Amino acid sequence: IAGVLILVVFATLLSLGFWQIQRLHWKESLIAQITQA
């Protein structure tokens, strides 16, 4: 149980980091789109 909880917390933290990377690319694309328009 302890091992599963450790992996779940680690995977959750990693997924949040990768989600923010996706949000970063989305925001950069949005800013470029607004500026060009």
Full PDB file with SEQRES, HELIX, SHEET, SSBOND, CRYST1, ORIGX, SCALE, CONECT and MASTER records, all heavy atoms in Angstrom:
SEQRES   1 A   37  ILE ALA GLY VAL LEU ILE LEU VAL VAL PHE ALA THR LEU          
SEQRES   2 A   37  LEU SER LEU GLY PHE TRP GLN ILE GLN ARG LEU HIS TRP          
SEQRES   3 A   37  LYS GLU SER LEU ILE ALA GLN ILE THR GLN ALA                  
HELIX    1 AA1 ALA A    2  GLN A   36  1                                  35    
CRYST1    1.000    1.000    1.000  90.00  90.00  90.00 P 1           1          
ORIGX1      1.000000  0.000000  0.000000        0.00000                         
ORIGX2      0.000000  1.000000  0.000000        0.00000                         
ORIGX3      0.000000  0.000000  1.000000        0.00000                         
SCALE1      1.000000  0.000000  0.000000        0.00000                         
SCALE2      0.000000  1.000000  0.000000        0.00000                         
SCALE3      0.000000  0.000000  1.000000        0.00000                         
ATOM      1  N   ILE A   1       0.835  -1.203   0.000  1.00  0.00           N  
ATOM      2  CA  ILE A   1       0.000   0.000   0.000  1.00  0.00           C  
ATOM      3  C   ILE A   1       0.867   1.249   0.000  1.00  0.00           C  
ATOM      4  O   ILE A   1       0.612   2.218  -0.739  1.00  0.00           O  
ATOM      5  CB  ILE A   1      -0.958  -0.010   1.201  1.00  0.00           C  
ATOM      6  CG1 ILE A   1      -1.946  -1.175   1.082  1.00  0.00           C  
ATOM      7  CG2 ILE A   1      -1.695   1.317   1.306  1.00  0.00           C  
ATOM      8  CD1 ILE A   1      -2.857  -1.332   2.291  1.00  0.00           C  
ATOM      9  N   ALA A   2       1.910   1.222   0.824  1.00  0.00           N  
ATOM     10  CA  ALA A   2       2.814   2.367   0.890  1.00  0.00           C  
ATOM     11  C   ALA A   2       3.497   2.607  -0.454  1.00  0.00           C  
ATOM     12  O   ALA A   2       3.646   3.742  -0.913  1.00  0.00           O  
ATOM     13  CB  ALA A   2       3.847   2.161   1.987  1.00  0.00           C  
ATOM     14  N   GLY A   3       3.906   1.523  -1.121  1.00  0.00           N  
ATOM     15  CA  GLY A   3       4.548   1.665  -2.423  1.00  0.00           C  
ATOM     16  C   GLY A   3       3.620   2.253  -3.465  1.00  0.00           C  
ATOM     17  O   GLY A   3       4.017   3.098  -4.273  1.00  0.00           O  
ATOM     18  N   VAL A   4       2.354   1.805  -3.432  1.00  0.00           N  
ATOM     19  CA  VAL A   4       1.373   2.344  -4.388  1.00  0.00           C  
ATOM     20  C   VAL A   4       1.146   3.831  -4.140  1.00  0.00           C  
ATOM     21  O   VAL A   4       1.090   4.641  -5.080  1.00  0.00           O  
ATOM     22  CB  VAL A   4       0.050   1.562  -4.269  1.00  0.00           C  
ATOM     23  CG1 VAL A   4      -1.044   2.267  -5.076  1.00  0.00           C  
ATOM     24  CG2 VAL A   4       0.226   0.130  -4.757  1.00  0.00           C  
ATOM     25  N   LEU A   5       1.005   4.226  -2.874  1.00  0.00           N  
ATOM     26  CA  LEU A   5       0.789   5.634  -2.550  1.00  0.00           C  
ATOM     27  C   LEU A   5       1.977   6.494  -2.981  1.00  0.00           C  
ATOM     28  O   LEU A   5       1.804   7.611  -3.488  1.00  0.00           O  
ATOM     29  CB  LEU A   5       0.547   5.793  -1.047  1.00  0.00           C  
ATOM     30  CG  LEU A   5      -0.781   5.240  -0.519  1.00  0.00           C  
ATOM     31  CD1 LEU A   5      -0.857   5.371   0.987  1.00  0.00           C  
ATOM     32  CD2 LEU A   5      -1.950   5.966  -1.180  1.00  0.00           C  
ATOM     33  N   ILE A   6       3.183   5.971  -2.797  1.00  0.00           N  
ATOM     34  CA  ILE A   6       4.378   6.710  -3.211  1.00  0.00           C  
ATOM     35  C   ILE A   6       4.367   6.952  -4.714  1.00  0.00           C  
ATOM     36  O   ILE A   6       4.634   8.051  -5.196  1.00  0.00           O  
ATOM     37  CB  ILE A   6       5.650   5.938  -2.790  1.00  0.00           C  
ATOM     38  CG1 ILE A   6       5.807   5.981  -1.265  1.00  0.00           C  
ATOM     39  CG2 ILE A   6       6.892   6.531  -3.462  1.00  0.00           C  
ATOM     40  CD1 ILE A   6       6.890   5.065  -0.734  1.00  0.00           C  
ATOM     41  N   LEU A   7       4.041   5.890  -5.467  1.00  0.00           N  
ATOM     42  CA  LEU A   7       4.004   6.021  -6.929  1.00  0.00           C  
ATOM     43  C   LEU A   7       2.890   6.956  -7.388  1.00  0.00           C  
ATOM     44  O   LEU A   7       3.066   7.721  -8.334  1.00  0.00           O  
ATOM     45  CB  LEU A   7       3.826   4.639  -7.563  1.00  0.00           C  
ATOM     46  CG  LEU A   7       5.019   3.680  -7.450  1.00  0.00           C  
ATOM     47  CD1 LEU A   7       4.680   2.322  -8.054  1.00  0.00           C  
ATOM     48  CD2 LEU A   7       6.246   4.270  -8.153  1.00  0.00           C  
ATOM     49  N   VAL A   8       1.734   6.884  -6.708  1.00  0.00           N  
ATOM     50  CA  VAL A   8       0.613   7.747  -7.089  1.00  0.00           C  
ATOM     51  C   VAL A   8       0.971   9.218  -6.888  1.00  0.00           C  
ATOM     52  O   VAL A   8       0.716  10.067  -7.760  1.00  0.00           O  
ATOM     53  CB  VAL A   8      -0.645   7.384  -6.277  1.00  0.00           C  
ATOM     54  CG1 VAL A   8      -1.717   8.461  -6.438  1.00  0.00           C  
ATOM     55  CG2 VAL A   8      -1.187   6.037  -6.729  1.00  0.00           C  
ATOM     56  N   VAL A   9       1.566   9.544  -5.739  1.00  0.00           N  
ATOM     57  CA  VAL A   9       1.949  10.939  -5.473  1.00  0.00           C  
ATOM     58  C   VAL A   9       2.987  11.405  -6.479  1.00  0.00           C  
ATOM     59  O   VAL A   9       2.898  12.508  -7.037  1.00  0.00           O  
ATOM     60  CB  VAL A   9       2.486  11.079  -4.034  1.00  0.00           C  
ATOM     61  CG1 VAL A   9       3.055  12.489  -3.826  1.00  0.00           C  
ATOM     62  CG2 VAL A   9       1.383  10.802  -3.028  1.00  0.00           C  
ATOM     63  N   PHE A  10       3.971  10.561  -6.765  1.00  0.00           N  
ATOM     64  CA  PHE A  10       5.025  10.922  -7.716  1.00  0.00           C  
ATOM     65  C   PHE A  10       4.447  11.129  -9.119  1.00  0.00           C  
ATOM     66  O   PHE A  10       4.768  12.118  -9.806  1.00  0.00           O  
ATOM     67  CB  PHE A  10       6.096   9.831  -7.737  1.00  0.00           C  
ATOM     68  CG  PHE A  10       7.224  10.114  -8.696  1.00  0.00           C  
ATOM     69  CD1 PHE A  10       8.090  11.175  -8.482  1.00  0.00           C  
ATOM     70  CD2 PHE A  10       7.402   9.326  -9.820  1.00  0.00           C  
ATOM     71  CE1 PHE A  10       9.130  11.437  -9.362  1.00  0.00           C  
ATOM     72  CE2 PHE A  10       8.435   9.584 -10.709  1.00  0.00           C  
ATOM     73  CZ  PHE A  10       9.306  10.641 -10.480  1.00  0.00           C  
ATOM     74  N   ALA A  11       3.580  10.219  -9.539  1.00  0.00           N  
ATOM     75  CA  ALA A  11       2.974  10.333 -10.865  1.00  0.00           C  
ATOM     76  C   ALA A  11       2.087  11.575 -10.963  1.00  0.00           C  
ATOM     77  O   ALA A  11       2.052  12.251 -12.002  1.00  0.00           O  
ATOM     78  CB  ALA A  11       2.160   9.081 -11.174  1.00  0.00           C  
ATOM     79  N   THR A  12       1.381  11.890  -9.870  1.00  0.00           N  
ATOM     80  CA  THR A  12       0.522  13.081  -9.868  1.00  0.00           C  
ATOM     81  C   THR A  12       1.346  14.352 -10.011  1.00  0.00           C  
ATOM     82  O   THR A  12       1.008  15.244 -10.804  1.00  0.00           O  
ATOM     83  CB  THR A  12      -0.298  13.142  -8.575  1.00  0.00           C  
ATOM     84  OG1 THR A  12      -1.113  11.961  -8.465  1.00  0.00           O  
ATOM     85  CG2 THR A  12      -1.177  14.382  -8.556  1.00  0.00           C  
ATOM     86  N   LEU A  13       2.443  14.440  -9.280  1.00  0.00           N  
ATOM     87  CA  LEU A  13       3.297  15.627  -9.368  1.00  0.00           C  
ATOM     88  C   LEU A  13       3.900  15.769 -10.770  1.00  0.00           C  
ATOM     89  O   LEU A  13       3.955  16.871 -11.324  1.00  0.00           O  
ATOM     90  CB  LEU A  13       4.413  15.545  -8.316  1.00  0.00           C  
ATOM     91  CG  LEU A  13       3.949  15.615  -6.852  1.00  0.00           C  
ATOM     92  CD1 LEU A  13       5.111  15.359  -5.912  1.00  0.00           C  
ATOM     93  CD2 LEU A  13       3.327  16.979  -6.559  1.00  0.00           C  
ATOM     94  N   LEU A  14       4.325  14.644 -11.343  1.00  0.00           N  
ATOM     95  CA  LEU A  14       4.875  14.692 -12.694  1.00  0.00           C  
ATOM     96  C   LEU A  14       3.818  15.118 -13.718  1.00  0.00           C  
ATOM     97  O   LEU A  14       4.086  15.932 -14.610  1.00  0.00           O  
ATOM     98  CB  LEU A  14       5.446  13.323 -13.085  1.00  0.00           C  
ATOM     99  CG  LEU A  14       6.865  12.978 -12.627  1.00  0.00           C  
ATOM    100  CD1 LEU A  14       7.271  11.625 -13.188  1.00  0.00           C  
ATOM    101  CD2 LEU A  14       7.863  14.053 -13.067  1.00  0.00           C  
ATOM    102  N   SER A  15       2.621  14.541 -13.590  1.00  0.00           N  
ATOM    103  CA  SER A  15       1.562  14.873 -14.553  1.00  0.00           C  
ATOM    104  C   SER A  15       1.194  16.345 -14.479  1.00  0.00           C  
ATOM    105  O   SER A  15       0.918  16.983 -15.510  1.00  0.00           O  
ATOM    106  CB  SER A  15       0.333  13.995 -14.305  1.00  0.00           C  
ATOM    107  OG  SER A  15      -0.221  14.254 -13.025  1.00  0.00           O  
ATOM    108  N   LEU A  16       1.191  16.915 -13.278  1.00  0.00           N  
ATOM    109  CA  LEU A  16       0.907  18.344 -13.139  1.00  0.00           C  
ATOM    110  C   LEU A  16       1.989  19.187 -13.809  1.00  0.00           C  
ATOM    111  O   LEU A  16       1.714  20.221 -14.419  1.00  0.00           O  
ATOM    112  CB  LEU A  16       0.789  18.710 -11.657  1.00  0.00           C  
ATOM    113  CG  LEU A  16      -0.475  18.207 -10.951  1.00  0.00           C  
ATOM    114  CD1 LEU A  16      -0.392  18.451  -9.458  1.00  0.00           C  
ATOM    115  CD2 LEU A  16      -1.719  18.878 -11.519  1.00  0.00           C  
ATOM    116  N   GLY A  17       3.243  18.725 -13.700  1.00  0.00           N  
ATOM    117  CA  GLY A  17       4.325  19.438 -14.371  1.00  0.00           C  
ATOM    118  C   GLY A  17       4.190  19.400 -15.880  1.00  0.00           C  
ATOM    119  O   GLY A  17       4.318  20.431 -16.559  1.00  0.00           O  
ATOM    120  N   PHE A  18       3.898  18.231 -16.439  1.00  0.00           N  
ATOM    121  CA  PHE A  18       3.731  18.108 -17.897  1.00  0.00           C  
ATOM    122  C   PHE A  18       2.482  18.871 -18.368  1.00  0.00           C  
ATOM    123  O   PHE A  18       2.462  19.415 -19.478  1.00  0.00           O  
ATOM    124  CB  PHE A  18       3.647  16.638 -18.299  1.00  0.00           C  
ATOM    125  CG  PHE A  18       4.969  15.927 -18.256  1.00  0.00           C  
ATOM    126  CD1 PHE A  18       5.182  14.870 -17.392  1.00  0.00           C  
ATOM    127  CD2 PHE A  18       6.014  16.324 -19.084  1.00  0.00           C  
ATOM    128  CE1 PHE A  18       6.403  14.211 -17.351  1.00  0.00           C  
ATOM    129  CE2 PHE A  18       7.240  15.681 -19.052  1.00  0.00           C  
ATOM    130  CZ  PHE A  18       7.437  14.620 -18.179  1.00  0.00           C  
ATOM    131  N   TRP A  19       1.443  18.899 -17.524  1.00  0.00           N  
ATOM    132  CA  TRP A  19       0.236  19.661 -17.880  1.00  0.00           C  
ATOM    133  C   TRP A  19       0.558  21.145 -17.995  1.00  0.00           C  
ATOM    134  O   TRP A  19       0.083  21.821 -18.909  1.00  0.00           O  
ATOM    135  CB  TRP A  19      -0.846  19.431 -16.828  1.00  0.00           C  
ATOM    136  CG  TRP A  19      -2.079  20.233 -17.062  1.00  0.00           C  
ATOM    137  CD1 TRP A  19      -2.953  20.145 -18.110  1.00  0.00           C  
ATOM    138  CD2 TRP A  19      -2.585  21.284 -16.219  1.00  0.00           C  
ATOM    139  NE1 TRP A  19      -3.974  21.061 -17.968  1.00  0.00           N  
ATOM    140  CE2 TRP A  19      -3.773  21.770 -16.825  1.00  0.00           C  
ATOM    141  CE3 TRP A  19      -2.164  21.834 -15.006  1.00  0.00           C  
ATOM    142  CZ2 TRP A  19      -4.522  22.796 -16.252  1.00  0.00           C  
ATOM    143  CZ3 TRP A  19      -2.914  22.850 -14.445  1.00  0.00           C  
ATOM    144  CH2 TRP A  19      -4.077  23.313 -15.073  1.00  0.00           C  
ATOM    145  N   GLN A  20       1.396  21.647 -17.099  1.00  0.00           N  
ATOM    146  CA  GLN A  20       1.787  23.052 -17.172  1.00  0.00           C  
ATOM    147  C   GLN A  20       2.645  23.328 -18.411  1.00  0.00           C  
ATOM    148  O   GLN A  20       2.563  24.421 -18.991  1.00  0.00           O  
ATOM    149  CB  GLN A  20       2.542  23.458 -15.905  1.00  0.00           C  
ATOM    150  CG  GLN A  20       1.674  23.581 -14.668  1.00  0.00           C  
ATOM    151  CD  GLN A  20       0.624  24.661 -14.795  1.00  0.00           C  
ATOM    152  OE1 GLN A  20       0.776  25.608 -15.553  1.00  0.00           O  
ATOM    153  NE2 GLN A  20      -0.473  24.521 -14.059  1.00  0.00           N  
ATOM    154  N   ILE A  21       3.437  22.354 -18.839  1.00  0.00           N  
ATOM    155  CA  ILE A  21       4.195  22.517 -20.084  1.00  0.00           C  
ATOM    156  C   ILE A  21       3.240  22.642 -21.271  1.00  0.00           C  
ATOM    157  O   ILE A  21       3.434  23.475 -22.169  1.00  0.00           O  
ATOM    158  CB  ILE A  21       5.153  21.330 -20.288  1.00  0.00           C  
ATOM    159  CG1 ILE A  21       6.264  21.348 -19.222  1.00  0.00           C  
ATOM    160  CG2 ILE A  21       5.770  21.368 -21.683  1.00  0.00           C  
ATOM    161  CD1 ILE A  21       7.177  22.540 -19.305  1.00  0.00           C  
ATOM    162  N   GLN A  22       2.197  21.809 -21.274  1.00  0.00           N  
ATOM    163  CA  GLN A  22       1.189  21.916 -22.337  1.00  0.00           C  
ATOM    164  C   GLN A  22       0.500  23.269 -22.300  1.00  0.00           C  
ATOM    165  O   GLN A  22       0.264  23.892 -23.346  1.00  0.00           O  
ATOM    166  CB  GLN A  22       0.155  20.793 -22.178  1.00  0.00           C  
ATOM    167  CG  GLN A  22       0.712  19.399 -22.425  1.00  0.00           C  
ATOM    168  CD  GLN A  22      -0.327  18.320 -22.172  1.00  0.00           C  
ATOM    169  OE1 GLN A  22      -1.422  18.596 -21.691  1.00  0.00           O  
ATOM    170  NE2 GLN A  22       0.014  17.084 -22.497  1.00  0.00           N  
ATOM    171  N   ARG A  23       0.171  23.737 -21.095  1.00  0.00           N  
ATOM    172  CA  ARG A  23      -0.450  25.054 -20.955  1.00  0.00           C  
ATOM    173  C   ARG A  23       0.487  26.161 -21.429  1.00  0.00           C  
ATOM    174  O   ARG A  23       0.047  27.162 -21.994  1.00  0.00           O  
ATOM    175  CB  ARG A  23      -0.834  25.296 -19.495  1.00  0.00           C  
ATOM    176  CG  ARG A  23      -1.886  24.347 -18.953  1.00  0.00           C  
ATOM    177  CD  ARG A  23      -3.263  24.719 -19.418  1.00  0.00           C  
ATOM    178  NE  ARG A  23      -3.700  25.995 -18.879  1.00  0.00           N  
ATOM    179  CZ  ARG A  23      -4.833  26.591 -19.209  1.00  0.00           C  
ATOM    180  NH1 ARG A  23      -5.638  26.038 -20.104  1.00  0.00           N  
ATOM    181  NH2 ARG A  23      -5.181  27.756 -18.685  1.00  0.00           N  
ATOM    182  N   LEU A  24       1.776  25.988 -21.208  1.00  0.00           N  
ATOM    183  CA  LEU A  24       2.765  26.958 -21.662  1.00  0.00           C  
ATOM    184  C   LEU A  24       2.741  27.091 -23.177  1.00  0.00           C  
ATOM    185  O   LEU A  24       2.694  28.203 -23.723  1.00  0.00           O  
ATOM    186  CB  LEU A  24       4.165  26.543 -21.187  1.00  0.00           C  
ATOM    187  CG  LEU A  24       5.342  27.346 -21.747  1.00  0.00           C  
ATOM    188  CD1 LEU A  24       5.295  28.789 -21.255  1.00  0.00           C  
ATOM    189  CD2 LEU A  24       6.666  26.690 -21.366  1.00  0.00           C  
ATOM    190  N   HIS A  25       2.764  25.951 -23.872  1.00  0.00           N  
ATOM    191  CA  HIS A  25       2.732  25.978 -25.342  1.00  0.00           C  
ATOM    192  C   HIS A  25       1.414  26.572 -25.841  1.00  0.00           C  
ATOM    193  O   HIS A  25       1.396  27.327 -26.821  1.00  0.00           O  
ATOM    194  CB  HIS A  25       2.924  24.566 -25.895  1.00  0.00           C  
ATOM    195  CG  HIS A  25       4.275  23.983 -25.591  1.00  0.00           C  
ATOM    196  ND1 HIS A  25       5.420  24.739 -25.553  1.00  0.00           N  
ATOM    197  CD2 HIS A  25       4.661  22.702 -25.311  1.00  0.00           C  
ATOM    198  CE1 HIS A  25       6.460  23.971 -25.272  1.00  0.00           C  
ATOM    199  NE2 HIS A  25       6.021  22.734 -25.112  1.00  0.00           N  
ATOM    200  N   TRP A  26       0.304  26.218 -25.167  1.00  0.00           N  
ATOM    201  CA  TRP A  26      -0.999  26.762 -25.567  1.00  0.00           C  
ATOM    202  C   TRP A  26      -1.023  28.275 -25.391  1.00  0.00           C  
ATOM    203  O   TRP A  26      -1.487  29.007 -26.273  1.00  0.00           O  
ATOM    204  CB  TRP A  26      -2.099  26.124 -24.723  1.00  0.00           C  
ATOM    205  CG  TRP A  26      -3.411  26.835 -24.841  1.00  0.00           C  
ATOM    206  CD1 TRP A  26      -4.329  26.749 -25.849  1.00  0.00           C  
ATOM    207  CD2 TRP A  26      -3.954  27.789 -23.904  1.00  0.00           C  
ATOM    208  NE1 TRP A  26      -5.402  27.577 -25.603  1.00  0.00           N  
ATOM    209  CE2 TRP A  26      -5.203  28.226 -24.425  1.00  0.00           C  
ATOM    210  CE3 TRP A  26      -3.506  28.297 -22.671  1.00  0.00           C  
ATOM    211  CZ2 TRP A  26      -5.987  29.145 -23.751  1.00  0.00           C  
ATOM    212  CZ3 TRP A  26      -4.293  29.223 -22.011  1.00  0.00           C  
ATOM    213  CH2 TRP A  26      -5.518  29.631 -22.550  1.00  0.00           C  
ATOM    214  N   LYS A  27      -0.510  28.792 -24.266  1.00  0.00           N  
ATOM    215  CA  LYS A  27      -0.533  30.224 -24.011  1.00  0.00           C  
ATOM    216  C   LYS A  27       0.373  30.962 -24.992  1.00  0.00           C  
ATOM    217  O   LYS A  27       0.003  32.055 -25.474  1.00  0.00           O  
ATOM    218  CB  LYS A  27      -0.077  30.484 -22.565  1.00  0.00           C  
ATOM    219  CG  LYS A  27      -0.157  31.949 -22.136  1.00  0.00           C  
ATOM    220  CD  LYS A  27      -1.562  32.470 -22.129  1.00  0.00           C  
ATOM    221  CE  LYS A  27      -2.384  31.914 -21.001  1.00  0.00           C  
ATOM    222  NZ  LYS A  27      -1.961  32.244 -19.653  1.00  0.00           N  
ATOM    223  N   GLU A  28       1.543  30.392 -25.303  1.00  0.00           N  
ATOM    224  CA  GLU A  28       2.425  31.030 -26.282  1.00  0.00           C  
ATOM    225  C   GLU A  28       1.764  31.110 -27.651  1.00  0.00           C  
ATOM    226  O   GLU A  28       1.871  32.125 -28.349  1.00  0.00           O  
ATOM    227  CB  GLU A  28       3.747  30.255 -26.366  1.00  0.00           C  
ATOM    228  CG  GLU A  28       4.619  30.387 -25.136  1.00  0.00           C  
ATOM    229  CD  GLU A  28       5.869  29.534 -25.204  1.00  0.00           C  
ATOM    230  OE1 GLU A  28       5.903  28.596 -26.042  1.00  0.00           O  
ATOM    231  OE2 GLU A  28       6.811  29.781 -24.431  1.00  0.00           O  
ATOM    232  N   SER A  29       1.078  30.035 -28.036  1.00  0.00           N  
ATOM    233  CA  SER A  29       0.381  30.032 -29.323  1.00  0.00           C  
ATOM    234  C   SER A  29      -0.754  31.046 -29.320  1.00  0.00           C  
ATOM    235  O   SER A  29      -0.987  31.749 -30.316  1.00  0.00           O  
ATOM    236  CB  SER A  29      -0.162  28.632 -29.614  1.00  0.00           C  
ATOM    237  OG  SER A  29      -0.937  28.618 -30.786  1.00  0.00           O  
ATOM    238  N   LEU A  30      -1.477  31.158 -28.197  1.00  0.00           N  
ATOM    239  CA  LEU A  30      -2.584  32.102 -28.085  1.00  0.00           C  
ATOM    240  C   LEU A  30      -2.082  33.535 -28.190  1.00  0.00           C  
ATOM    241  O   LEU A  30      -2.678  34.367 -28.892  1.00  0.00           O  
ATOM    242  CB  LEU A  30      -3.318  31.886 -26.767  1.00  0.00           C  
ATOM    243  CG  LEU A  30      -4.518  32.808 -26.493  1.00  0.00           C  
ATOM    244  CD1 LEU A  30      -5.602  32.590 -27.525  1.00  0.00           C  
ATOM    245  CD2 LEU A  30      -5.053  32.569 -25.083  1.00  0.00           C  
ATOM    246  N   ILE A  31      -0.994  33.843 -27.509  1.00  0.00           N  
ATOM    247  CA  ILE A  31      -0.433  35.191 -27.549  1.00  0.00           C  
ATOM    248  C   ILE A  31      -0.007  35.548 -28.971  1.00  0.00           C  
ATOM    249  O   ILE A  31      -0.270  36.663 -29.451  1.00  0.00           O  
ATOM    250  CB  ILE A  31       0.759  35.296 -26.577  1.00  0.00           C  
ATOM    251  CG1 ILE A  31       0.275  35.198 -25.133  1.00  0.00           C  
ATOM    252  CG2 ILE A  31       1.523  36.602 -26.790  1.00  0.00           C  
ATOM    253  CD1 ILE A  31       1.389  35.124 -24.109  1.00  0.00           C  
ATOM    254  N   ALA A  32       0.644  34.599 -29.652  1.00  0.00           N  
ATOM    255  CA  ALA A  32       1.075  34.846 -31.034  1.00  0.00           C  
ATOM    256  C   ALA A  32      -0.136  35.050 -31.947  1.00  0.00           C  
ATOM    257  O   ALA A  32      -0.114  35.921 -32.836  1.00  0.00           O  
ATOM    258  CB  ALA A  32       1.919  33.675 -31.527  1.00  0.00           C  
ATOM    259  N   GLN A  33      -1.194  34.285 -31.718  1.00  0.00           N  
ATOM    260  CA  GLN A  33      -2.401  34.396 -32.544  1.00  0.00           C  
ATOM    261  C   GLN A  33      -3.075  35.750 -32.352  1.00  0.00           C  
ATOM    262  O   GLN A  33      -3.483  36.401 -33.325  1.00  0.00           O  
ATOM    263  CB  GLN A  33      -3.373  33.273 -32.198  1.00  0.00           C  
ATOM    264  CG  GLN A  33      -4.580  33.184 -33.111  1.00  0.00           C  
ATOM    265  CD  GLN A  33      -5.503  32.038 -32.728  1.00  0.00           C  
ATOM    266  OE1 GLN A  33      -5.597  31.659 -31.566  1.00  0.00           O  
ATOM    267  NE2 GLN A  33      -6.182  31.476 -33.703  1.00  0.00           N  
ATOM    268  N   ILE A  34      -3.195  36.199 -31.100  1.00  0.00           N  
ATOM    269  CA  ILE A  34      -3.823  37.489 -30.822  1.00  0.00           C  
ATOM    270  C   ILE A  34      -2.998  38.622 -31.420  1.00  0.00           C  
ATOM    271  O   ILE A  34      -3.531  39.547 -32.044  1.00  0.00           O  
ATOM    272  CB  ILE A  34      -3.991  37.688 -29.303  1.00  0.00           C  
ATOM    273  CG1 ILE A  34      -4.982  36.660 -28.737  1.00  0.00           C  
ATOM    274  CG2 ILE A  34      -4.470  39.101 -28.993  1.00  0.00           C  
ATOM    275  CD1 ILE A  34      -5.111  36.704 -27.234  1.00  0.00           C  
ATOM    276  N   THR A  35      -1.680  38.558 -31.239  1.00  0.00           N  
ATOM    277  CA  THR A  35      -0.805  39.608 -31.758  1.00  0.00           C  
ATOM    278  C   THR A  35      -0.901  39.706 -33.270  1.00  0.00           C  
ATOM    279  O   THR A  35      -1.006  40.806 -33.834  1.00  0.00           O  
ATOM    280  CB  THR A  35       0.651  39.335 -31.342  1.00  0.00           C  
ATOM    281  OG1 THR A  35       0.731  39.258 -29.908  1.00  0.00           O  
ATOM    282  CG2 THR A  35       1.565  40.434 -31.832  1.00  0.00           C  
ATOM    283  N   GLN A  36      -0.872  38.569 -33.941  1.00  0.00           N  
ATOM    284  CA  GLN A  36      -0.951  38.570 -35.401  1.00  0.00           C  
ATOM    285  C   GLN A  36      -2.303  39.096 -35.871  1.00  0.00           C  
ATOM    286  O   GLN A  36      -2.380  39.898 -36.816  1.00  0.00           O  
ATOM    287  CB  GLN A  36      -0.732  37.161 -35.932  1.00  0.00           C  
ATOM    288  CG  GLN A  36      -0.779  37.075 -37.462  1.00  0.00           C  
ATOM    289  CD  GLN A  36      -0.586  35.653 -37.963  1.00  0.00           C  
ATOM    290  OE1 GLN A  36      -0.530  34.706 -37.177  1.00  0.00           O  
ATOM    291  NE2 GLN A  36      -0.474  35.489 -39.264  1.00  0.00           N  
ATOM    292  N   ALA A  37      -3.392  38.663 -35.212  1.00  0.00           N  
ATOM    293  CA  ALA A  37      -4.730  39.085 -35.637  1.00  0.00           C  
ATOM    294  C   ALA A  37      -4.935  40.583 -35.452  1.00  0.00           C  
ATOM    295  O   ALA A  37      -5.606  41.233 -36.265  1.00  0.00           O  
ATOM    296  CB  ALA A  37      -5.789  38.309 -34.857  1.00  0.00           C  
TER     297      ALA A  37                                                      
MASTER        0    0    0    1    0    0    0    6  296    1    0    3          
END                                                                             
